């Protein structure tokens, strides 16, 4: 029997890390798949990445400042996003100018490649090898005043109301 590596299982169409689970062996994989299939009929099984977690918000098809999320839990999951008081956000992220530009360019390219328009978010990780790995393009990211897109917009001087107006202007 083939050895199972460390993997992440997630429903293909869910958001907010709902239904995601890590698996290290066949039993955990079976449990993670069973759980994920409760939320979607398509499930992704991805190689586990350890490293720093980032997100790049897109507004008017251009990347905003990179945000880094740090959590003491294993990954930036639902609890870290919505329930934890220990999750930390760094905007702009502590990256070199070259790394920031690289990640923003990758995010813009991914956003365009999937046919997204206007605004959204691209999530990424920096692996132990220093390389950036794109996790997903989110075309319907959270939009509360505490969400990541408004956080990145605020870093550029765009408050929540102005952000909402900019997004609405793109739909007309």
N, C-alpha and C. Protein backbone atom coordinates (compact mmCIF):
# COMPACT_ATOMS: atom_id res chain seq x y z
N UNK A 1 0.84 -1.18 0.00
CA UNK A 1 0.00 0.00 0.00
C UNK A 1 0.89 1.24 0.00
N UNK A 2 0.55 2.22 -0.83
CA UNK A 2 1.32 3.46 -0.92
C UNK A 2 1.18 4.27 0.36
N UNK A 3 2.24 4.94 0.73
CA UNK A 3 2.26 5.79 1.92
C UNK A 3 1.56 7.11 1.60
N UNK A 4 0.65 7.53 2.48
CA UNK A 4 -0.04 8.79 2.31
C UNK A 4 0.80 9.90 2.92
N UNK A 5 1.05 10.94 2.16
CA UNK A 5 1.75 12.11 2.71
C UNK A 5 0.75 13.01 3.41
N UNK A 6 1.23 14.04 3.98
CA UNK A 6 0.41 15.04 4.67
C UNK A 6 -0.36 15.81 3.59
N UNK A 7 -1.70 15.83 3.67
CA UNK A 7 -2.51 16.50 2.66
C UNK A 7 -3.58 17.38 3.32
N UNK A 8 -4.12 18.28 2.51
CA UNK A 8 -5.25 19.12 2.90
C UNK A 8 -6.43 18.71 2.03
N UNK A 9 -7.57 18.49 2.66
CA UNK A 9 -8.80 18.12 1.96
C UNK A 9 -9.77 19.28 2.10
N UNK A 10 -10.38 19.70 0.98
CA UNK A 10 -11.34 20.79 1.07
C UNK A 10 -12.41 20.69 0.00
N UNK A 11 -13.64 21.07 0.39
CA UNK A 11 -14.71 21.12 -0.60
C UNK A 11 -14.36 22.16 -1.67
N UNK A 12 -14.63 21.85 -2.90
CA UNK A 12 -14.22 22.71 -4.01
C UNK A 12 -14.90 24.07 -4.01
N UNK A 13 -16.17 24.13 -3.63
CA UNK A 13 -16.93 25.37 -3.78
C UNK A 13 -17.25 26.07 -2.47
N UNK A 14 -16.72 25.63 -1.37
CA UNK A 14 -16.99 26.27 -0.08
C UNK A 14 -16.04 27.43 0.15
N UNK A 15 -16.38 28.25 1.11
CA UNK A 15 -15.51 29.35 1.51
C UNK A 15 -15.32 29.30 3.01
N UNK A 16 -14.54 30.24 3.52
CA UNK A 16 -14.29 30.39 4.95
C UNK A 16 -13.68 29.14 5.58
N UNK A 17 -13.03 28.34 4.79
CA UNK A 17 -12.38 27.10 5.26
C UNK A 17 -13.37 26.06 5.79
N UNK A 18 -14.64 26.20 5.44
CA UNK A 18 -15.67 25.26 5.89
C UNK A 18 -15.41 23.91 5.24
N UNK A 19 -15.41 22.86 6.06
CA UNK A 19 -15.23 21.50 5.56
C UNK A 19 -13.80 21.10 5.29
N UNK A 20 -12.84 21.98 5.59
CA UNK A 20 -11.43 21.66 5.35
C UNK A 20 -10.88 20.83 6.50
N UNK A 21 -9.96 19.93 6.16
CA UNK A 21 -9.29 19.13 7.19
C UNK A 21 -7.96 18.64 6.65
N UNK A 22 -7.02 18.48 7.54
CA UNK A 22 -5.74 17.89 7.15
C UNK A 22 -5.78 16.40 7.44
N UNK A 23 -4.99 15.66 6.69
CA UNK A 23 -4.93 14.22 6.89
C UNK A 23 -3.48 13.75 6.75
N UNK A 24 -3.11 12.83 7.64
CA UNK A 24 -1.76 12.29 7.66
C UNK A 24 -1.71 10.79 7.38
N UNK A 25 -2.88 10.14 7.39
CA UNK A 25 -2.91 8.70 7.16
C UNK A 25 -4.25 8.35 6.51
N UNK A 26 -4.40 7.09 6.14
CA UNK A 26 -5.59 6.66 5.40
C UNK A 26 -6.88 6.88 6.21
N UNK A 27 -6.84 6.63 7.51
CA UNK A 27 -8.03 6.81 8.34
C UNK A 27 -8.44 8.29 8.39
N UNK A 28 -7.47 9.17 8.60
CA UNK A 28 -7.78 10.61 8.62
C UNK A 28 -8.27 11.08 7.26
N UNK A 29 -7.69 10.53 6.18
CA UNK A 29 -8.13 10.90 4.84
C UNK A 29 -9.58 10.50 4.62
N UNK A 30 -9.94 9.30 5.02
CA UNK A 30 -11.33 8.85 4.87
C UNK A 30 -12.28 9.76 5.64
N UNK A 31 -11.92 10.13 6.86
CA UNK A 31 -12.76 11.02 7.67
C UNK A 31 -12.85 12.41 7.03
N UNK A 32 -11.72 12.92 6.55
CA UNK A 32 -11.70 14.24 5.93
C UNK A 32 -12.54 14.26 4.66
N UNK A 33 -12.44 13.20 3.86
CA UNK A 33 -13.25 13.12 2.63
C UNK A 33 -14.73 13.04 2.96
N UNK A 34 -15.09 12.21 3.92
CA UNK A 34 -16.49 12.09 4.32
C UNK A 34 -17.05 13.44 4.77
N UNK A 35 -16.28 14.16 5.55
CA UNK A 35 -16.70 15.48 6.02
C UNK A 35 -16.82 16.47 4.87
N UNK A 36 -15.82 16.51 3.99
CA UNK A 36 -15.83 17.45 2.87
C UNK A 36 -16.99 17.20 1.92
N UNK A 37 -17.32 15.92 1.68
CA UNK A 37 -18.41 15.60 0.77
C UNK A 37 -19.78 15.97 1.35
N UNK A 38 -19.86 16.30 2.61
CA UNK A 38 -21.11 16.81 3.19
C UNK A 38 -21.39 18.23 2.70
N UNK A 39 -20.35 18.92 2.24
CA UNK A 39 -20.48 20.31 1.82
C UNK A 39 -20.47 20.51 0.32
N UNK A 40 -19.99 19.53 -0.43
CA UNK A 40 -19.83 19.70 -1.87
C UNK A 40 -19.72 18.33 -2.52
N UNK A 41 -20.06 18.26 -3.80
CA UNK A 41 -19.90 16.99 -4.51
C UNK A 41 -18.56 16.93 -5.25
N UNK A 42 -17.77 18.00 -5.13
CA UNK A 42 -16.41 18.02 -5.66
C UNK A 42 -15.48 18.39 -4.51
N UNK A 43 -14.42 17.59 -4.35
CA UNK A 43 -13.50 17.78 -3.24
C UNK A 43 -12.07 17.80 -3.78
N UNK A 44 -11.26 18.68 -3.22
CA UNK A 44 -9.85 18.77 -3.59
C UNK A 44 -9.00 18.10 -2.52
N UNK A 45 -7.98 17.37 -2.95
CA UNK A 45 -6.97 16.83 -2.04
C UNK A 45 -5.65 17.40 -2.52
N UNK A 46 -5.06 18.24 -1.67
CA UNK A 46 -3.86 18.97 -2.07
C UNK A 46 -2.67 18.59 -1.20
N UNK A 47 -1.50 18.70 -1.76
CA UNK A 47 -0.27 18.51 -0.99
C UNK A 47 -0.26 19.52 0.15
N UNK A 48 0.13 19.09 1.32
CA UNK A 48 0.21 19.97 2.49
C UNK A 48 1.37 20.94 2.30
N UNK A 49 1.10 22.21 2.58
CA UNK A 49 2.15 23.22 2.56
C UNK A 49 2.30 23.79 3.96
N UNK A 50 3.50 23.91 4.42
CA UNK A 50 3.77 24.57 5.68
C UNK A 50 4.50 25.86 5.37
N UNK A 51 4.10 26.92 6.01
CA UNK A 51 4.77 28.18 5.78
C UNK A 51 3.88 29.36 6.10
N UNK A 52 4.27 30.49 5.61
CA UNK A 52 3.55 31.73 5.85
C UNK A 52 2.33 31.82 4.94
N UNK A 53 1.22 32.37 5.49
CA UNK A 53 -0.02 32.50 4.72
C UNK A 53 -0.28 33.96 4.37
N UNK A 54 -0.66 34.18 3.11
CA UNK A 54 -0.89 35.52 2.59
C UNK A 54 -2.19 35.59 1.80
N UNK A 55 -2.68 36.80 1.64
CA UNK A 55 -3.77 37.04 0.72
C UNK A 55 -3.51 38.35 0.00
N UNK A 56 -3.92 38.38 -1.26
CA UNK A 56 -3.79 39.59 -2.08
C UNK A 56 -5.18 39.95 -2.57
N UNK A 57 -5.67 41.09 -2.11
CA UNK A 57 -6.97 41.57 -2.58
C UNK A 57 -6.78 42.23 -3.94
N UNK A 58 -7.79 42.09 -4.77
CA UNK A 58 -7.78 42.69 -6.10
C UNK A 58 -8.94 43.68 -6.16
N UNK A 59 -8.66 44.88 -6.62
CA UNK A 59 -9.69 45.91 -6.80
C UNK A 59 -9.44 46.59 -8.13
N UNK A 60 -10.47 46.66 -8.96
CA UNK A 60 -10.34 47.21 -10.31
C UNK A 60 -9.23 46.47 -11.07
N UNK A 61 -9.18 45.16 -10.86
CA UNK A 61 -8.24 44.28 -11.52
C UNK A 61 -6.78 44.54 -11.16
N UNK A 62 -6.50 45.27 -10.09
CA UNK A 62 -5.15 45.56 -9.64
C UNK A 62 -4.96 45.06 -8.21
N UNK A 63 -3.77 44.56 -7.91
CA UNK A 63 -3.47 44.04 -6.58
C UNK A 63 -3.32 45.18 -5.57
N UNK A 64 -3.89 44.96 -4.40
CA UNK A 64 -3.74 45.86 -3.26
C UNK A 64 -2.58 45.34 -2.40
N UNK A 65 -2.25 46.03 -1.30
CA UNK A 65 -1.17 45.53 -0.45
C UNK A 65 -1.40 44.09 0.02
N UNK A 66 -0.32 43.34 0.14
CA UNK A 66 -0.36 41.95 0.58
C UNK A 66 -0.61 41.93 2.09
N UNK A 67 -1.46 41.02 2.53
CA UNK A 67 -1.72 40.80 3.95
C UNK A 67 -1.17 39.44 4.33
N UNK A 68 -0.48 39.38 5.47
CA UNK A 68 -0.05 38.11 6.03
C UNK A 68 -0.93 37.80 7.22
N UNK A 69 -1.38 36.55 7.33
CA UNK A 69 -2.18 36.09 8.46
C UNK A 69 -1.34 35.11 9.26
N UNK A 70 -1.28 35.31 10.56
CA UNK A 70 -0.55 34.38 11.44
C UNK A 70 -1.49 33.91 12.53
N UNK A 71 -1.52 32.60 12.71
CA UNK A 71 -2.37 32.00 13.73
C UNK A 71 -1.60 30.90 14.45
N UNK A 72 -1.82 30.77 15.75
CA UNK A 72 -1.14 29.69 16.47
C UNK A 72 -1.71 28.30 16.13
N UNK A 73 -2.90 28.25 15.49
CA UNK A 73 -3.44 26.95 15.08
C UNK A 73 -2.68 26.46 13.85
N UNK A 74 -2.96 25.27 13.41
CA UNK A 74 -2.21 24.66 12.31
C UNK A 74 -2.31 25.40 11.00
N UNK A 75 -3.45 25.99 10.70
CA UNK A 75 -3.62 26.76 9.48
C UNK A 75 -4.73 27.78 9.69
N UNK A 76 -4.86 28.68 8.76
CA UNK A 76 -5.83 29.78 8.85
C UNK A 76 -7.22 29.22 8.54
N UNK A 77 -7.81 28.55 9.53
CA UNK A 77 -9.09 27.87 9.36
C UNK A 77 -10.26 28.75 9.83
N UNK A 78 -11.45 28.18 9.84
CA UNK A 78 -12.65 28.94 10.21
C UNK A 78 -12.51 29.57 11.59
N UNK A 79 -11.99 28.80 12.53
CA UNK A 79 -11.86 29.32 13.89
C UNK A 79 -10.87 30.48 13.93
N UNK A 80 -9.75 30.36 13.22
CA UNK A 80 -8.75 31.43 13.18
C UNK A 80 -9.31 32.68 12.51
N UNK A 81 -10.19 32.49 11.52
CA UNK A 81 -10.75 33.61 10.78
C UNK A 81 -11.82 34.36 11.58
N UNK A 82 -12.67 33.61 12.27
CA UNK A 82 -13.87 34.24 12.83
C UNK A 82 -14.02 34.17 14.34
N UNK A 83 -13.28 33.26 14.99
CA UNK A 83 -13.52 33.07 16.43
C UNK A 83 -12.31 33.36 17.30
N UNK A 84 -11.14 33.33 16.74
CA UNK A 84 -9.93 33.47 17.54
C UNK A 84 -9.56 34.93 17.78
N UNK A 85 -9.08 35.20 18.97
CA UNK A 85 -8.55 36.54 19.26
C UNK A 85 -7.03 36.55 19.14
N UNK A 86 -6.44 35.42 18.77
CA UNK A 86 -4.99 35.34 18.68
C UNK A 86 -4.47 35.43 17.24
N UNK A 87 -5.35 35.44 16.25
CA UNK A 87 -4.92 35.58 14.86
C UNK A 87 -4.40 37.00 14.66
N UNK A 88 -3.24 37.10 14.00
CA UNK A 88 -2.63 38.40 13.75
C UNK A 88 -2.60 38.67 12.25
N UNK A 89 -2.80 39.95 11.90
CA UNK A 89 -2.81 40.37 10.50
C UNK A 89 -1.75 41.45 10.30
N UNK A 90 -0.97 41.30 9.24
CA UNK A 90 0.08 42.27 8.93
C UNK A 90 -0.19 42.83 7.55
N UNK A 91 -0.50 44.12 7.50
CA UNK A 91 -0.82 44.77 6.23
C UNK A 91 -0.16 46.14 6.20
N UNK A 92 0.83 46.31 5.36
CA UNK A 92 1.34 45.34 4.39
C UNK A 92 2.20 44.27 5.05
N UNK A 93 2.26 43.13 4.39
CA UNK A 93 3.04 42.00 4.89
C UNK A 93 4.52 42.35 4.93
N UNK A 94 5.24 41.70 5.83
CA UNK A 94 6.67 41.90 5.97
C UNK A 94 7.39 41.07 4.91
N UNK A 95 7.42 41.60 3.70
CA UNK A 95 8.10 40.98 2.56
C UNK A 95 8.99 42.02 1.91
N UNK A 96 9.99 41.57 1.20
CA UNK A 96 10.82 42.52 0.44
C UNK A 96 9.97 43.12 -0.68
N UNK A 97 10.44 44.22 -1.22
CA UNK A 97 9.73 44.85 -2.34
C UNK A 97 9.61 43.88 -3.51
N UNK A 98 10.68 43.11 -3.76
CA UNK A 98 10.66 42.15 -4.87
C UNK A 98 9.66 41.04 -4.62
N UNK A 99 9.61 40.51 -3.38
CA UNK A 99 8.66 39.46 -3.05
C UNK A 99 7.22 39.98 -3.15
N UNK A 100 7.00 41.19 -2.66
CA UNK A 100 5.66 41.79 -2.73
C UNK A 100 5.22 41.91 -4.18
N UNK A 101 6.09 42.45 -5.02
CA UNK A 101 5.76 42.61 -6.44
C UNK A 101 5.49 41.27 -7.10
N UNK A 102 6.31 40.26 -6.77
CA UNK A 102 6.13 38.93 -7.34
C UNK A 102 4.77 38.35 -6.95
N UNK A 103 4.43 38.43 -5.68
CA UNK A 103 3.17 37.87 -5.21
C UNK A 103 1.98 38.63 -5.78
N UNK A 104 2.08 39.94 -5.86
CA UNK A 104 0.99 40.73 -6.45
C UNK A 104 0.81 40.39 -7.93
N UNK A 105 1.91 40.24 -8.65
CA UNK A 105 1.83 39.89 -10.07
C UNK A 105 1.22 38.50 -10.26
N UNK A 106 1.65 37.55 -9.43
CA UNK A 106 1.07 36.20 -9.50
C UNK A 106 -0.43 36.25 -9.24
N UNK A 107 -0.84 37.04 -8.25
CA UNK A 107 -2.26 37.14 -7.91
C UNK A 107 -3.05 37.76 -9.06
N UNK A 108 -2.53 38.82 -9.65
CA UNK A 108 -3.23 39.45 -10.78
C UNK A 108 -3.35 38.47 -11.95
N UNK A 109 -2.28 37.74 -12.25
CA UNK A 109 -2.32 36.77 -13.35
C UNK A 109 -3.34 35.67 -13.08
N UNK A 110 -3.35 35.14 -11.86
CA UNK A 110 -4.30 34.08 -11.52
C UNK A 110 -5.73 34.60 -11.62
N UNK A 111 -5.96 35.79 -11.12
CA UNK A 111 -7.28 36.42 -11.16
C UNK A 111 -7.76 36.52 -12.62
N UNK A 112 -6.88 36.99 -13.49
CA UNK A 112 -7.22 37.12 -14.91
C UNK A 112 -7.40 35.77 -15.59
N UNK A 113 -6.55 34.80 -15.24
CA UNK A 113 -6.61 33.48 -15.89
C UNK A 113 -7.93 32.75 -15.63
N UNK A 114 -8.52 32.96 -14.47
CA UNK A 114 -9.80 32.30 -14.20
C UNK A 114 -10.98 33.11 -14.71
N UNK A 115 -10.70 34.25 -15.36
CA UNK A 115 -11.76 35.07 -15.93
C UNK A 115 -12.47 35.95 -14.92
N UNK A 116 -11.86 36.15 -13.76
CA UNK A 116 -12.47 37.02 -12.75
C UNK A 116 -12.35 38.47 -13.21
N UNK A 117 -13.27 39.29 -12.74
CA UNK A 117 -13.29 40.70 -13.11
C UNK A 117 -13.58 41.56 -11.89
N UNK A 118 -13.00 42.74 -11.88
CA UNK A 118 -13.35 43.74 -10.87
C UNK A 118 -12.63 43.60 -9.55
N UNK A 119 -13.17 42.75 -8.69
CA UNK A 119 -12.60 42.63 -7.35
C UNK A 119 -12.66 41.20 -6.87
N UNK A 120 -11.79 40.86 -5.93
CA UNK A 120 -11.75 39.52 -5.37
C UNK A 120 -10.52 39.39 -4.50
N UNK A 121 -10.09 38.17 -4.33
CA UNK A 121 -8.94 37.92 -3.46
C UNK A 121 -8.23 36.65 -3.93
N UNK A 122 -6.91 36.63 -3.80
CA UNK A 122 -6.12 35.46 -4.16
C UNK A 122 -5.30 35.07 -2.93
N UNK A 123 -5.45 33.83 -2.49
CA UNK A 123 -4.75 33.33 -1.31
C UNK A 123 -3.51 32.56 -1.71
N UNK A 124 -2.47 32.67 -0.90
CA UNK A 124 -1.19 32.03 -1.23
C UNK A 124 -0.45 31.65 0.04
N UNK A 125 0.53 30.80 -0.14
CA UNK A 125 1.45 30.45 0.95
C UNK A 125 2.87 30.57 0.42
N UNK A 126 3.77 30.83 1.35
CA UNK A 126 5.19 30.79 1.03
C UNK A 126 5.73 29.53 1.68
N UNK A 127 6.15 28.59 0.88
CA UNK A 127 6.63 27.32 1.40
C UNK A 127 7.98 27.46 2.08
N UNK A 128 8.40 26.38 2.70
CA UNK A 128 9.69 26.35 3.38
C UNK A 128 10.84 26.62 2.40
N UNK A 129 10.59 26.38 1.10
CA UNK A 129 11.61 26.63 0.08
C UNK A 129 11.67 28.10 -0.33
N UNK A 130 10.79 28.95 0.25
CA UNK A 130 10.78 30.37 -0.08
C UNK A 130 9.92 30.73 -1.27
N UNK A 131 9.44 29.72 -1.98
CA UNK A 131 8.59 29.96 -3.16
C UNK A 131 7.15 30.24 -2.73
N UNK A 132 6.44 31.02 -3.55
CA UNK A 132 5.02 31.28 -3.32
C UNK A 132 4.19 30.25 -4.07
N UNK A 133 3.14 29.78 -3.41
CA UNK A 133 2.20 28.82 -3.99
C UNK A 133 0.80 29.39 -3.87
N UNK A 134 0.11 29.50 -5.00
CA UNK A 134 -1.25 30.01 -4.98
C UNK A 134 -2.19 28.91 -4.52
N UNK A 135 -3.10 29.26 -3.62
CA UNK A 135 -4.07 28.30 -3.08
C UNK A 135 -5.40 28.39 -3.79
N UNK A 136 -5.88 29.61 -3.98
CA UNK A 136 -7.20 29.77 -4.62
C UNK A 136 -7.44 31.20 -5.02
N UNK A 137 -8.35 31.36 -5.95
CA UNK A 137 -8.89 32.67 -6.32
C UNK A 137 -10.29 32.72 -5.75
N UNK A 138 -10.54 33.72 -4.95
CA UNK A 138 -11.84 33.87 -4.30
C UNK A 138 -12.58 35.03 -4.98
N UNK A 139 -13.62 34.70 -5.73
CA UNK A 139 -14.36 35.73 -6.47
C UNK A 139 -15.52 36.31 -5.65
N UNK A 140 -15.75 35.76 -4.46
CA UNK A 140 -16.79 36.29 -3.57
C UNK A 140 -16.22 36.31 -2.14
N UNK A 141 -15.20 37.15 -1.92
CA UNK A 141 -14.61 37.20 -0.58
C UNK A 141 -15.51 37.92 0.41
N UNK A 142 -15.20 37.74 1.68
CA UNK A 142 -15.96 38.41 2.73
C UNK A 142 -15.92 39.92 2.56
N UNK A 143 -17.02 40.59 2.93
CA UNK A 143 -17.08 42.04 2.79
C UNK A 143 -17.70 42.69 4.01
N UNK A 144 -17.21 42.34 5.17
CA UNK A 144 -17.58 43.08 6.36
C UNK A 144 -16.46 44.08 6.62
N UNK A 145 -16.67 44.98 7.53
CA UNK A 145 -15.62 45.96 7.82
C UNK A 145 -14.37 45.32 8.40
N UNK A 146 -14.46 44.07 8.87
CA UNK A 146 -13.31 43.37 9.43
C UNK A 146 -12.71 42.36 8.46
N UNK A 147 -13.24 42.28 7.26
CA UNK A 147 -12.74 41.32 6.26
C UNK A 147 -11.42 41.77 5.66
N UNK A 148 -10.78 40.87 4.92
CA UNK A 148 -9.45 41.12 4.38
C UNK A 148 -9.42 42.14 3.25
N UNK A 149 -10.39 42.11 2.34
CA UNK A 149 -10.40 43.09 1.24
C UNK A 149 -10.50 44.51 1.81
N UNK A 150 -11.44 44.79 2.72
CA UNK A 150 -11.48 46.14 3.31
C UNK A 150 -10.19 46.50 4.06
N UNK A 151 -9.54 45.52 4.67
CA UNK A 151 -8.28 45.78 5.37
C UNK A 151 -7.20 46.25 4.39
N UNK A 152 -7.10 45.57 3.25
CA UNK A 152 -6.11 45.95 2.24
C UNK A 152 -6.45 47.30 1.63
N UNK A 153 -7.74 47.54 1.37
CA UNK A 153 -8.15 48.83 0.80
C UNK A 153 -7.83 49.96 1.76
N UNK A 154 -8.09 49.74 3.05
CA UNK A 154 -7.81 50.76 4.06
C UNK A 154 -6.33 51.13 4.07
N UNK A 155 -5.46 50.15 3.82
CA UNK A 155 -4.01 50.40 3.79
C UNK A 155 -3.62 51.33 2.64
N UNK A 156 -4.50 51.46 1.65
CA UNK A 156 -4.24 52.38 0.53
C UNK A 156 -5.02 53.67 0.69
N UNK A 157 -5.69 53.84 1.84
CA UNK A 157 -6.44 55.07 2.09
C UNK A 157 -7.89 55.02 1.64
N UNK A 158 -8.38 53.84 1.27
CA UNK A 158 -9.77 53.69 0.81
C UNK A 158 -10.58 53.10 1.97
N UNK A 159 -11.51 53.90 2.52
CA UNK A 159 -12.32 53.40 3.63
C UNK A 159 -13.41 52.47 3.12
N UNK A 160 -14.15 51.86 4.05
CA UNK A 160 -15.14 50.83 3.70
C UNK A 160 -16.21 51.37 2.74
N UNK A 161 -16.73 52.55 3.02
CA UNK A 161 -17.78 53.13 2.15
C UNK A 161 -17.25 53.37 0.75
N UNK A 162 -16.06 53.95 0.65
CA UNK A 162 -15.47 54.21 -0.67
C UNK A 162 -15.19 52.90 -1.40
N UNK A 163 -14.78 51.88 -0.66
CA UNK A 163 -14.53 50.56 -1.27
C UNK A 163 -15.82 50.00 -1.87
N UNK A 164 -16.89 50.05 -1.12
CA UNK A 164 -18.18 49.54 -1.61
C UNK A 164 -18.60 50.31 -2.87
N UNK A 165 -18.42 51.62 -2.87
CA UNK A 165 -18.77 52.43 -4.04
C UNK A 165 -17.91 52.02 -5.23
N UNK A 166 -16.60 51.82 -5.02
CA UNK A 166 -15.72 51.39 -6.13
C UNK A 166 -16.16 50.05 -6.71
N UNK A 167 -16.53 49.14 -5.83
CA UNK A 167 -16.98 47.83 -6.31
C UNK A 167 -18.27 47.96 -7.10
N UNK A 168 -19.20 48.75 -6.59
CA UNK A 168 -20.47 48.95 -7.29
C UNK A 168 -20.28 49.64 -8.62
N UNK A 169 -19.37 50.61 -8.69
CA UNK A 169 -19.10 51.31 -9.96
C UNK A 169 -18.63 50.35 -11.04
N UNK A 170 -17.91 49.30 -10.65
CA UNK A 170 -17.41 48.34 -11.63
C UNK A 170 -18.51 47.44 -12.19
N UNK A 171 -19.64 47.40 -11.52
CA UNK A 171 -20.72 46.52 -11.99
C UNK A 171 -21.67 47.25 -12.94
N UNK A 172 -21.53 48.57 -13.04
CA UNK A 172 -22.45 49.35 -13.88
C UNK A 172 -21.99 49.38 -15.31
